[in-house]
Amino acid sequence: MNHLHAMKLKMKPLTLLCSLGCLLLLSGVIAACDDTKTYAEMREDEDDAIAAFIKDSAIHVITQTEFFDNDSTTDVSKNEYVQLTSGVYMQIVDKGSSNPADTVRANDIVLVRFEEQALLENSYGYKSYISNINHPDVDEFKYAVTSTQIAGTFTKGVMVEYYSDTTVPAGWLIPLTYVRNNAHVRLIVPSKMGHSYAMQNVYPYYYDLRKIKFWK
């Protein structure tokens, strides 16, 4: 009897340790779950990142009405960006060709030099940056128009190599309506108007698109 009682006494600390271990494991699982943000929280982070970038870059945001009243231009000397209904912020640095007919058309091939800067840190703790400014080749995509939408498909370049996705970000296509051959624009593109990686992770990006050329 005494031997059995002694065994029970020895088991109690072990049982207590097991219980503590289970609690710690459960706490870790709960903490991991708490680290997972909701889509609403990710959107809030995105909005905060865009607002911080606008503030830090001393950007002056104008309305679409102001933009159209000023012949669809932005005053670069005032660092103006127009906020479009799509959520994209756009600055037209240079409209390009002086020929009004020198605009993009369906099935044109568009060539572009660009810089892309993420406005939020990724899971590795840094804001990604890619560019083809010093690359031997430019990025190239085909511009398509249907009765309901416009679209672009990358045929070659850094973007398709980096993201393994041929779909051109919708935010890249919006400026083409307002510029002509050899234009230069800067953009703040929210995730919903970005590439698939941006949409999946709710990441906004800043773009500098230079030497936009249209090939018929």
C-alpha atoms as a PDB file:
ATOM      1  CA  MET A   1       0.000   0.000   0.000  1.00  0.00           C
ATOM      2  CA  ASN A   2       2.768   2.361   0.882  1.00  0.00           C
ATOM      3  CA  HIS A   3       4.547   1.434  -2.345  1.00  0.00           C
ATOM      4  CA  LEU A   4       1.433   2.231  -4.392  1.00  0.00           C
ATOM      5  CA  HIS A   5       0.968   5.536  -2.574  1.00  0.00           C
ATOM      6  CA  ALA A   6       4.562   6.460  -3.346  1.00  0.00           C
ATOM      7  CA  MET A   7       4.026   5.751  -7.043  1.00  0.00           C
ATOM      8  CA  LYS A   8       0.988   8.041  -7.099  1.00  0.00           C
ATOM      9  CA  LEU A   9       2.972  10.808  -5.467  1.00  0.00           C
ATOM     10  CA  LYS A  10       5.684  10.471  -8.079  1.00  0.00           C
ATOM     11  CA  MET A  11       3.155  10.619 -10.922  1.00  0.00           C
ATOM     12  CA  LYS A  12       1.583  13.878  -9.768  1.00  0.00           C
ATOM     13  CA  PRO A  13       4.531  16.145 -10.757  1.00  0.00           C
ATOM     14  CA  LEU A  14       4.732  14.354 -14.099  1.00  0.00           C
ATOM     15  CA  THR A  15       1.027  14.891 -14.677  1.00  0.00           C
ATOM     16  CA  LEU A  16       1.406  18.535 -13.731  1.00  0.00           C
ATOM     17  CA  LEU A  17       4.321  18.959 -16.174  1.00  0.00           C
ATOM     18  CA  CYS A  18       2.299  17.385 -18.957  1.00  0.00           C
ATOM     19  CA  SER A  19      -0.587  19.714 -18.213  1.00  0.00           C
ATOM     20  CA  LEU A  20       1.687  22.736 -18.271  1.00  0.00           C
ATOM     21  CA  GLY A  21       3.214  21.552 -21.528  1.00  0.00           C
ATOM     22  CA  CYS A  22      -0.196  21.204 -23.136  1.00  0.00           C
ATOM     23  CA  LEU A  23      -1.180  24.666 -21.954  1.00  0.00           C
ATOM     24  CA  LEU A  24       1.988  26.178 -23.378  1.00  0.00           C
ATOM     25  CA  LEU A  25       1.440  24.391 -26.691  1.00  0.00           C
ATOM     26  CA  LEU A  26      -2.165  25.575 -26.806  1.00  0.00           C
ATOM     27  CA  SER A  27      -1.053  29.131 -25.984  1.00  0.00           C
ATOM     28  CA  GLY A  28       1.405  28.991 -28.870  1.00  0.00           C
ATOM     29  CA  VAL A  29      -1.310  27.854 -31.268  1.00  0.00           C
ATOM     30  CA  ILE A  30      -3.644  30.628 -30.080  1.00  0.00           C
ATOM     31  CA  ALA A  31      -0.858  33.212 -30.433  1.00  0.00           C
ATOM     32  CA  ALA A  32      -0.140  31.995 -33.968  1.00  0.00           C
ATOM     33  CA  CYS A  33      -3.813  32.324 -34.813  1.00  0.00           C
ATOM     34  CA  ASP A  34      -3.867  35.837 -33.327  1.00  0.00           C
ATOM     35  CA  ASP A  35      -0.969  36.801 -35.639  1.00  0.00           C
ATOM     36  CA  THR A  36      -3.120  36.055 -38.685  1.00  0.00           C
ATOM     37  CA  LYS A  37      -4.725  39.294 -39.833  1.00  0.00           C
ATOM     38  CA  THR A  38      -8.186  39.561 -41.281  1.00  0.00           C
ATOM     39  CA  TYR A  39      -8.667  40.981 -44.765  1.00  0.00           C
ATOM     40  CA  ALA A  40     -10.125  44.143 -43.207  1.00  0.00           C
ATOM     41  CA  GLU A  41      -6.992  44.566 -41.090  1.00  0.00           C
ATOM     42  CA  MET A  42      -4.766  44.017 -44.133  1.00  0.00           C
ATOM     43  CA  ARG A  43      -6.742  46.633 -46.037  1.00  0.00           C
ATOM     44  CA  GLU A  44      -6.309  49.035 -43.142  1.00  0.00           C
ATOM     45  CA  ASP A  45      -2.535  48.429 -43.219  1.00  0.00           C
ATOM     46  CA  GLU A  46      -2.579  49.077 -46.952  1.00  0.00           C
ATOM     47  CA  ASP A  47      -4.472  52.360 -46.582  1.00  0.00           C
ATOM     48  CA  ASP A  48      -2.072  53.443 -43.828  1.00  0.00           C
ATOM     49  CA  ALA A  49       0.950  52.608 -46.008  1.00  0.00           C
ATOM     50  CA  ILE A  50      -0.415  54.616 -48.937  1.00  0.00           C
ATOM     51  CA  ALA A  51      -1.250  57.569 -46.680  1.00  0.00           C
ATOM     52  CA  ALA A  52       2.232  57.465 -45.135  1.00  0.00           C
ATOM     53  CA  PHE A  53       3.886  57.362 -48.574  1.00  0.00           C
ATOM     54  CA  ILE A  54       1.834  60.338 -49.762  1.00  0.00           C
ATOM     55  CA  LYS A  55       2.773  62.305 -46.640  1.00  0.00           C
ATOM     56  CA  ASP A  56       6.463  61.358 -46.680  1.00  0.00           C
ATOM     57  CA  SER A  57       6.739  62.159 -50.400  1.00  0.00           C
ATOM     58  CA  ALA A  58       4.982  65.528 -49.968  1.00  0.00           C
ATOM     59  CA  ILE A  59       2.448  64.579 -52.640  1.00  0.00           C
ATOM     60  CA  HIS A  60      -0.391  66.998 -53.323  1.00  0.00           C
ATOM     61  CA  VAL A  61      -3.513  65.012 -54.211  1.00  0.00           C
ATOM     62  CA  ILE A  62      -6.017  66.560 -56.621  1.00  0.00           C
ATOM     63  CA  THR A  63      -9.484  65.380 -57.592  1.00  0.00           C
ATOM     64  CA  GLN A  64     -10.488  63.999 -60.972  1.00  0.00           C
ATOM     65  CA  THR A  65     -12.522  67.164 -61.554  1.00  0.00           C
ATOM     66  CA  GLU A  66      -9.428  69.313 -61.020  1.00  0.00           C
ATOM     67  CA  PHE A  67      -7.455  66.946 -63.247  1.00  0.00           C
ATOM     68  CA  PHE A  68      -9.944  67.191 -66.134  1.00  0.00           C
ATOM     69  CA  ASP A  69     -10.309  70.961 -65.702  1.00  0.00           C
ATOM     70  CA  ASN A  70      -6.535  71.190 -66.178  1.00  0.00           C
ATOM     71  CA  ASP A  71      -6.606  69.373 -69.530  1.00  0.00           C
ATOM     72  CA  SER A  72      -5.901  65.980 -67.919  1.00  0.00           C
ATOM     73  CA  THR A  73      -2.480  66.979 -66.618  1.00  0.00           C
ATOM     74  CA  THR A  74      -0.761  67.115 -63.246  1.00  0.00           C
ATOM     75  CA  ASP A  75       1.572  69.895 -62.127  1.00  0.00           C
ATOM     76  CA  VAL A  76       4.882  68.166 -61.447  1.00  0.00           C
ATOM     77  CA  SER A  77       6.344  71.333 -59.867  1.00  0.00           C
ATOM     78  CA  LYS A  78       3.655  70.989 -57.166  1.00  0.00           C
ATOM     79  CA  ASN A  79       4.123  67.212 -57.010  1.00  0.00           C
ATOM     80  CA  GLU A  80       0.480  66.707 -57.944  1.00  0.00           C
ATOM     81  CA  TYR A  81      -1.096  63.265 -58.208  1.00  0.00           C
ATOM     82  CA  VAL A  82      -4.703  62.763 -59.242  1.00  0.00           C
ATOM     83  CA  GLN A  83      -6.729  60.231 -57.257  1.00  0.00           C
ATOM     84  CA  LEU A  84      -8.769  58.230 -59.762  1.00  0.00           C
ATOM     85  CA  THR A  85     -12.010  56.378 -59.037  1.00  0.00           C
ATOM     86  CA  SER A  86     -10.134  53.078 -59.360  1.00  0.00           C
ATOM     87  CA  GLY A  87      -8.085  53.994 -56.287  1.00  0.00           C
ATOM     88  CA  VAL A  88      -4.930  54.554 -58.349  1.00  0.00           C
ATOM     89  CA  TYR A  89      -2.971  57.774 -57.791  1.00  0.00           C
ATOM     90  CA  MET A  90      -1.346  59.055 -60.991  1.00  0.00           C
ATOM     91  CA  GLN A  91       1.197  61.733 -61.843  1.00  0.00           C
ATOM     92  CA  ILE A  92       1.797  62.482 -65.505  1.00  0.00           C
ATOM     93  CA  VAL A  93       5.409  63.606 -65.684  1.00  0.00           C
ATOM     94  CA  ASP A  94       5.410  63.807 -69.479  1.00  0.00           C
ATOM     95  CA  LYS A  95       2.428  63.218 -71.769  1.00  0.00           C
ATOM     96  CA  GLY A  96       4.760  62.101 -74.537  1.00  0.00           C
ATOM     97  CA  SER A  97       4.343  62.826 -78.235  1.00  0.00           C
ATOM     98  CA  SER A  98       2.857  66.159 -79.282  1.00  0.00           C
ATOM     99  CA  ASN A  99       0.865  64.372 -81.983  1.00  0.00           C
ATOM    100  CA  PRO A 100      -2.714  63.873 -80.634  1.00  0.00           C
ATOM    101  CA  ALA A 101      -3.103  60.776 -82.829  1.00  0.00           C
ATOM    102  CA  ASP A 102      -0.072  59.090 -81.303  1.00  0.00           C
ATOM    103  CA  THR A 103      -2.114  57.126 -78.745  1.00  0.00           C
ATOM    104  CA  VAL A 104      -2.361  53.474 -77.792  1.00  0.00           C
ATOM    105  CA  ARG A 105      -4.718  51.253 -79.792  1.00  0.00           C
ATOM    106  CA  ALA A 106      -6.024  47.723 -79.534  1.00  0.00           C
ATOM    107  CA  ASN A 107      -3.386  45.074 -80.301  1.00  0.00           C
ATOM    108  CA  ASP A 108      -0.495  47.527 -79.936  1.00  0.00           C
ATOM    109  CA  ILE A 109       2.702  46.249 -78.326  1.00  0.00           C
ATOM    110  CA  VAL A 110       3.675  48.464 -75.378  1.00  0.00           C
ATOM    111  CA  LEU A 111       7.297  48.768 -74.280  1.00  0.00           C
ATOM    112  CA  VAL A 112       8.200  50.257 -70.902  1.00  0.00           C
ATOM    113  CA  ARG A 113      11.069  50.921 -68.520  1.00  0.00           C
ATOM    114  CA  PHE A 114       9.943  50.800 -64.905  1.00  0.00           C
ATOM    115  CA  GLU A 115      10.720  50.793 -61.199  1.00  0.00           C
ATOM    116  CA  GLU A 116       8.498  48.992 -58.689  1.00  0.00           C
ATOM    117  CA  GLN A 117       8.688  49.680 -54.942  1.00  0.00           C
ATOM    118  CA  ALA A 118       6.488  47.911 -52.396  1.00  0.00           C
ATOM    119  CA  LEU A 119       4.940  50.192 -49.774  1.00  0.00           C
ATOM    120  CA  LEU A 120       4.612  47.422 -47.170  1.00  0.00           C
ATOM    121  CA  GLU A 121       7.210  45.041 -45.784  1.00  0.00           C
ATOM    122  CA  ASN A 122       6.898  41.438 -46.904  1.00  0.00           C
ATOM    123  CA  SER A 123       7.192  38.351 -44.674  1.00  0.00           C
ATOM    124  CA  TYR A 124      11.002  38.677 -44.816  1.00  0.00           C
ATOM    125  CA  GLY A 125      10.859  42.145 -43.275  1.00  0.00           C
ATOM    126  CA  TYR A 126      11.777  44.333 -46.247  1.00  0.00           C
ATOM    127  CA  LYS A 127      10.026  46.318 -48.966  1.00  0.00           C
ATOM    128  CA  SER A 128      10.699  44.627 -52.281  1.00  0.00           C
ATOM    129  CA  TYR A 129      12.126  46.552 -55.221  1.00  0.00           C
ATOM    130  CA  ILE A 130      12.495  45.490 -58.848  1.00  0.00           C
ATOM    131  CA  SER A 131      13.395  47.443 -61.979  1.00  0.00           C
ATOM    132  CA  ASN A 132      14.445  47.051 -65.599  1.00  0.00           C
ATOM    133  CA  ILE A 133      16.021  50.511 -65.828  1.00  0.00           C
ATOM    134  CA  ASN A 134      19.494  49.019 -66.190  1.00  0.00           C
ATOM    135  CA  HIS A 135      18.355  45.772 -67.797  1.00  0.00           C
ATOM    136  CA  PRO A 136      19.384  45.099 -71.421  1.00  0.00           C
ATOM    137  CA  ASP A 137      15.753  44.538 -72.449  1.00  0.00           C
ATOM    138  CA  VAL A 138      12.553  46.463 -71.787  1.00  0.00           C
ATOM    139  CA  ASP A 139       9.327  44.890 -70.566  1.00  0.00           C
ATOM    140  CA  GLU A 140       6.828  44.236 -73.336  1.00  0.00           C
ATOM    141  CA  PHE A 141       3.095  43.574 -73.291  1.00  0.00           C
ATOM    142  CA  LYS A 142       0.218  43.373 -75.728  1.00  0.00           C
ATOM    143  CA  TYR A 143      -2.629  45.830 -75.195  1.00  0.00           C
ATOM    144  CA  ALA A 144      -6.127  44.436 -75.751  1.00  0.00           C
ATOM    145  CA  VAL A 145      -9.531  46.114 -75.826  1.00  0.00           C
ATOM    146  CA  THR A 146     -12.952  44.459 -75.645  1.00  0.00           C
ATOM    147  CA  SER A 147     -16.446  45.885 -75.383  1.00  0.00           C
ATOM    148  CA  THR A 148     -16.270  45.753 -71.596  1.00  0.00           C
ATOM    149  CA  GLN A 149     -12.628  46.062 -70.555  1.00  0.00           C
ATOM    150  CA  ILE A 150      -9.001  46.696 -71.367  1.00  0.00           C
ATOM    151  CA  ALA A 151      -6.252  44.208 -70.612  1.00  0.00           C
ATOM    152  CA  GLY A 152      -2.561  43.615 -71.081  1.00  0.00           C
ATOM    153  CA  THR A 153      -0.496  40.448 -71.455  1.00  0.00           C
ATOM    154  CA  PHE A 154       3.256  40.433 -70.845  1.00  0.00           C
ATOM    155  CA  THR A 155       5.214  38.764 -73.611  1.00  0.00           C
ATOM    156  CA  LYS A 156       8.636  39.244 -72.016  1.00  0.00           C
ATOM    157  CA  GLY A 157      10.508  41.213 -69.382  1.00  0.00           C
ATOM    158  CA  VAL A 158      11.446  41.472 -65.713  1.00  0.00           C
ATOM    159  CA  MET A 159       7.861  41.530 -64.394  1.00  0.00           C
ATOM    160  CA  VAL A 160       6.886  38.192 -65.916  1.00  0.00           C
ATOM    161  CA  GLU A 161      10.218  36.654 -64.894  1.00  0.00           C
ATOM    162  CA  TYR A 162       9.892  37.867 -61.298  1.00  0.00           C
ATOM    163  CA  TYR A 163       6.219  37.080 -60.694  1.00  0.00           C
ATOM    164  CA  SER A 164       5.693  34.228 -63.193  1.00  0.00           C
ATOM    165  CA  ASP A 165       2.474  35.942 -64.263  1.00  0.00           C
ATOM    166  CA  THR A 166       1.735  37.341 -67.725  1.00  0.00           C
ATOM    167  CA  THR A 167      -1.181  39.531 -66.615  1.00  0.00           C
ATOM    168  CA  VAL A 168      -0.319  43.242 -66.653  1.00  0.00           C
ATOM    169  CA  PRO A 169      -1.396  45.071 -63.464  1.00  0.00           C
ATOM    170  CA  ALA A 170      -4.640  46.940 -64.156  1.00  0.00           C
ATOM    171  CA  GLY A 171      -3.038  50.024 -62.624  1.00  0.00           C
ATOM    172  CA  TRP A 172      -0.473  50.104 -65.443  1.00  0.00           C
ATOM    173  CA  LEU A 173      -3.194  50.295 -68.099  1.00  0.00           C
ATOM    174  CA  ILE A 174      -5.129  53.245 -66.683  1.00  0.00           C
ATOM    175  CA  PRO A 175      -2.557  55.950 -67.625  1.00  0.00           C
ATOM    176  CA  LEU A 176      -2.541  54.839 -71.273  1.00  0.00           C
ATOM    177  CA  THR A 177      -5.886  56.575 -71.737  1.00  0.00           C
ATOM    178  CA  TYR A 178      -4.343  59.955 -70.876  1.00  0.00           C
ATOM    179  CA  VAL A 179      -0.899  59.835 -72.504  1.00  0.00           C
ATOM    180  CA  ARG A 180       0.740  59.360 -75.869  1.00  0.00           C
ATOM    181  CA  ASN A 181       3.799  57.588 -77.227  1.00  0.00           C
ATOM    182  CA  ASN A 182       7.004  57.980 -75.166  1.00  0.00           C
ATOM    183  CA  ALA A 183       5.179  59.131 -72.017  1.00  0.00           C
ATOM    184  CA  HIS A 184       6.405  59.069 -68.414  1.00  0.00           C
ATOM    185  CA  VAL A 185       4.055  58.498 -65.466  1.00  0.00           C
ATOM    186  CA  ARG A 186       4.275  57.709 -61.756  1.00  0.00           C
ATOM    187  CA  LEU A 187       1.657  55.644 -59.955  1.00  0.00           C
ATOM    188  CA  ILE A 188       0.543  54.501 -56.533  1.00  0.00           C
ATOM    189  CA  VAL A 189      -1.328  51.273 -57.194  1.00  0.00           C
ATOM    190  CA  PRO A 190      -3.523  49.665 -54.506  1.00  0.00           C
ATOM    191  CA  SER A 191      -3.574  45.881 -54.310  1.00  0.00           C
ATOM    192  CA  LYS A 192      -6.908  45.490 -56.100  1.00  0.00           C
ATOM    193  CA  MET A 193      -5.373  47.146 -59.189  1.00  0.00           C
ATOM    194  CA  GLY A 194      -2.030  45.355 -58.952  1.00  0.00           C
ATOM    195  CA  HIS A 195      -0.588  42.020 -60.059  1.00  0.00           C
ATOM    196  CA  SER A 196      -1.708  38.689 -58.581  1.00  0.00           C
ATOM    197  CA  TYR A 197       0.925  38.799 -55.808  1.00  0.00           C
ATOM    198  CA  ALA A 198      -0.259  42.263 -54.758  1.00  0.00           C
ATOM    199  CA  MET A 199      -3.893  41.137 -54.661  1.00  0.00           C
ATOM    200  CA  GLN A 200      -3.098  37.951 -52.762  1.00  0.00           C
ATOM    201  CA  ASN A 201      -1.082  39.738 -50.063  1.00  0.00           C
ATOM    202  CA  VAL A 202      -2.947  43.087 -50.095  1.00  0.00           C
ATOM    203  CA  TYR A 203       0.242  45.006 -50.930  1.00  0.00           C
ATOM    204  CA  PRO A 204       0.231  48.476 -52.525  1.00  0.00           C
ATOM    205  CA  TYR A 205       3.067  49.482 -54.884  1.00  0.00           C
ATOM    206  CA  TYR A 206       4.665  52.638 -56.213  1.00  0.00           C
ATOM    207  CA  TYR A 207       5.638  52.642 -59.902  1.00  0.00           C
ATOM    208  CA  ASP A 208       7.723  54.890 -62.102  1.00  0.00           C
ATOM    209  CA  LEU A 209       6.885  53.997 -65.720  1.00  0.00           C
ATOM    210  CA  ARG A 210       9.232  55.598 -68.235  1.00  0.00           C
ATOM    211  CA  LYS A 211       9.575  55.714 -71.999  1.00  0.00           C
ATOM    212  CA  ILE A 212       6.212  54.087 -72.642  1.00  0.00           C
ATOM    213  CA  LYS A 213       6.286  53.271 -76.340  1.00  0.00           C
ATOM    214  CA  PHE A 214       3.488  52.022 -78.580  1.00  0.00           C
ATOM    215  CA  TRP A 215       4.269  49.739 -81.526  1.00  0.00           C
ATOM    216  CA  LYS A 216       1.559  49.256 -84.138  1.00  0.00           C
END
